[in-house]
Protein backbone atom coordinates (compact mmCIF):
# COMPACT_ATOMS: atom_id res chain seq x y z
CA UNK A 1 0.00 0.02 -0.07
CA UNK A 2 1.30 3.39 -0.95
CA UNK A 3 2.03 6.14 1.59
CA UNK A 4 -0.39 9.11 1.85
CA UNK A 5 1.20 12.52 2.64
CA UNK A 6 -1.28 15.03 4.00
CA UNK A 7 0.97 18.12 4.53
CA UNK A 8 -0.57 20.13 1.69
CA UNK A 9 -3.95 19.85 2.87
CA UNK A 10 -3.26 20.63 6.54
CA UNK A 11 -1.09 23.55 5.49
CA UNK A 12 -4.00 24.78 3.27
CA UNK A 13 -6.54 24.46 6.15
CA UNK A 14 -4.22 26.23 8.57
CA UNK A 15 -3.56 29.13 6.20
CA UNK A 16 -7.32 29.51 5.79
CA UNK A 17 -7.82 29.92 9.48
CA UNK A 18 -4.77 32.17 9.98
CA UNK A 19 -5.87 34.44 7.06
CA UNK A 20 -9.24 34.84 8.85
CA UNK A 21 -7.38 36.01 12.06
CA UNK A 22 -5.51 38.79 10.26
CA UNK A 23 -5.66 41.86 12.55
CA UNK A 24 -5.61 39.93 15.85
CA UNK A 25 -2.84 40.72 18.39
CA UNK A 26 0.02 38.48 19.72
CA UNK A 27 0.07 34.71 18.79
CA UNK A 28 -3.58 34.84 17.85
CA UNK A 29 -2.67 35.95 14.51
CA UNK A 30 0.10 33.52 13.47
CA UNK A 31 -0.12 30.33 15.59
CA UNK A 32 -2.69 27.88 14.32
CA UNK A 33 -3.77 26.27 17.53
CA UNK A 34 -4.45 29.68 19.22
CA UNK A 35 -5.74 31.44 16.16
CA UNK A 36 -8.35 28.60 15.75
CA UNK A 37 -9.60 29.17 19.26
CA UNK A 38 -9.64 32.93 18.73
CA UNK A 39 -11.56 32.58 15.42
CA UNK A 40 -14.16 30.40 17.03
CA UNK A 41 -14.59 32.94 19.83
CA UNK A 42 -14.76 35.74 17.29
CA UNK A 43 -17.67 34.04 15.69
CA UNK A 44 -19.46 33.82 19.03
CA UNK A 45 -18.89 37.58 19.52
CA UNK A 46 -20.25 38.25 16.02
CA UNK A 47 -23.40 36.36 16.67
CA UNK A 48 -23.94 38.13 19.96
CA UNK A 49 -23.15 41.70 18.73
CA UNK A 50 -25.36 41.47 15.62
CA UNK A 51 -28.29 41.41 17.93
CA UNK A 52 -26.76 43.99 20.31
CA UNK A 53 -26.20 46.38 17.47
CA UNK A 54 -30.00 46.25 16.55
CA UNK A 55 -30.75 47.09 20.16
CA UNK A 56 -28.23 49.95 20.32
CA UNK A 57 -29.61 51.55 17.07
CA UNK A 58 -33.07 51.28 18.25
CA UNK A 59 -32.01 53.24 21.45
CA UNK A 60 -30.18 55.79 19.39
CA UNK A 61 -33.14 56.44 17.17
CA UNK A 62 -35.44 56.93 20.23
CA UNK A 63 -33.01 59.35 21.77
CA UNK A 64 -32.82 61.42 18.53
CA UNK A 65 -36.51 61.45 17.92
CA UNK A 66 -37.06 62.61 21.57
CA UNK A 67 -34.40 65.46 20.89
CA UNK A 68 -36.17 66.62 17.79
CA UNK A 69 -39.49 66.46 19.39
CA UNK A 70 -38.54 68.43 22.48
CA UNK A 71 -38.04 71.45 20.11
CA UNK A 72 -41.87 71.45 19.76
CA UNK A 73 -42.44 70.76 23.48
CA UNK A 74 -43.68 67.17 22.94
CA UNK A 75 -42.54 64.16 24.91
CA UNK A 76 -41.59 61.17 22.97
CA UNK A 77 -43.88 58.76 24.87
CA UNK A 78 -46.93 61.02 24.25
CA UNK A 79 -46.02 61.29 20.63
CA UNK A 80 -45.81 57.52 20.12
CA UNK A 81 -49.01 57.15 21.95
CA UNK A 82 -50.72 59.55 19.47
CA UNK A 83 -49.27 57.83 16.59
CA UNK A 84 -50.56 54.53 17.67
CA UNK A 85 -54.07 56.01 18.43
CA UNK A 86 -54.18 57.26 14.89
CA UNK A 87 -53.01 53.98 13.43
CA UNK A 88 -50.00 55.41 11.83
CA UNK A 89 -47.73 52.42 11.30
CA UNK A 90 -44.13 53.70 11.17
CA UNK A 91 -41.07 52.34 12.71
CA UNK A 92 -38.42 54.17 14.82
CA UNK A 93 -35.98 54.13 12.10
CA UNK A 94 -38.25 55.84 9.52
CA UNK A 95 -39.28 58.34 12.21
CA UNK A 96 -35.70 59.18 12.87
CA UNK A 97 -35.03 59.81 9.19
CA UNK A 98 -38.16 61.97 8.94
CA UNK A 99 -37.00 64.01 11.87
CA UNK A 100 -33.41 64.42 10.49
CA UNK A 101 -34.23 64.93 6.78
CA UNK A 102 -37.55 66.70 6.76
CA UNK A 103 -39.32 69.03 8.91
CA UNK A 104 -41.17 67.27 11.74
CA UNK A 105 -43.61 70.08 12.13
CA UNK A 106 -46.06 68.85 9.62
CA UNK A 107 -46.41 65.54 11.24
CA UNK A 108 -46.80 67.14 14.52
CA UNK A 109 -49.37 69.64 13.33
CA UNK A 110 -51.38 66.71 11.78
CA UNK A 111 -51.32 64.75 15.00
CA UNK A 112 -52.36 67.82 17.09
CA UNK A 113 -55.36 68.44 14.74
CA UNK A 114 -56.51 64.82 14.97
CA UNK A 115 -56.01 64.77 18.76
CA UNK A 116 -58.18 67.87 19.17
CA UNK A 117 -60.81 66.59 16.83
CA UNK A 118 -61.26 63.36 18.79
CA UNK A 119 -61.58 65.36 22.15
């Protein structure tokens, strides 16, 4: 039976992992055994932080919407309540871009008119 040499394939596998660990510090970037562990851990962080990023952006949008609404003496919580009462389906991201790019005054006037009409 002939001898099988596997050095080429293991080298290829090692290089693939080490290439993905480019930018890591210390031995994590150039020693296969350690870089493999670091790569697996980085995937765990990636999975976790993609969810945290969504959470953080929602917080940021809410803070910015509140900032723009305070110029018109309206609280964020009241504003959201009125929007839900009027069945305006719009998410926080879209509201933030409305505040940032366009004048929020028109939407606030519309909500105020509807609120007074209901009372």
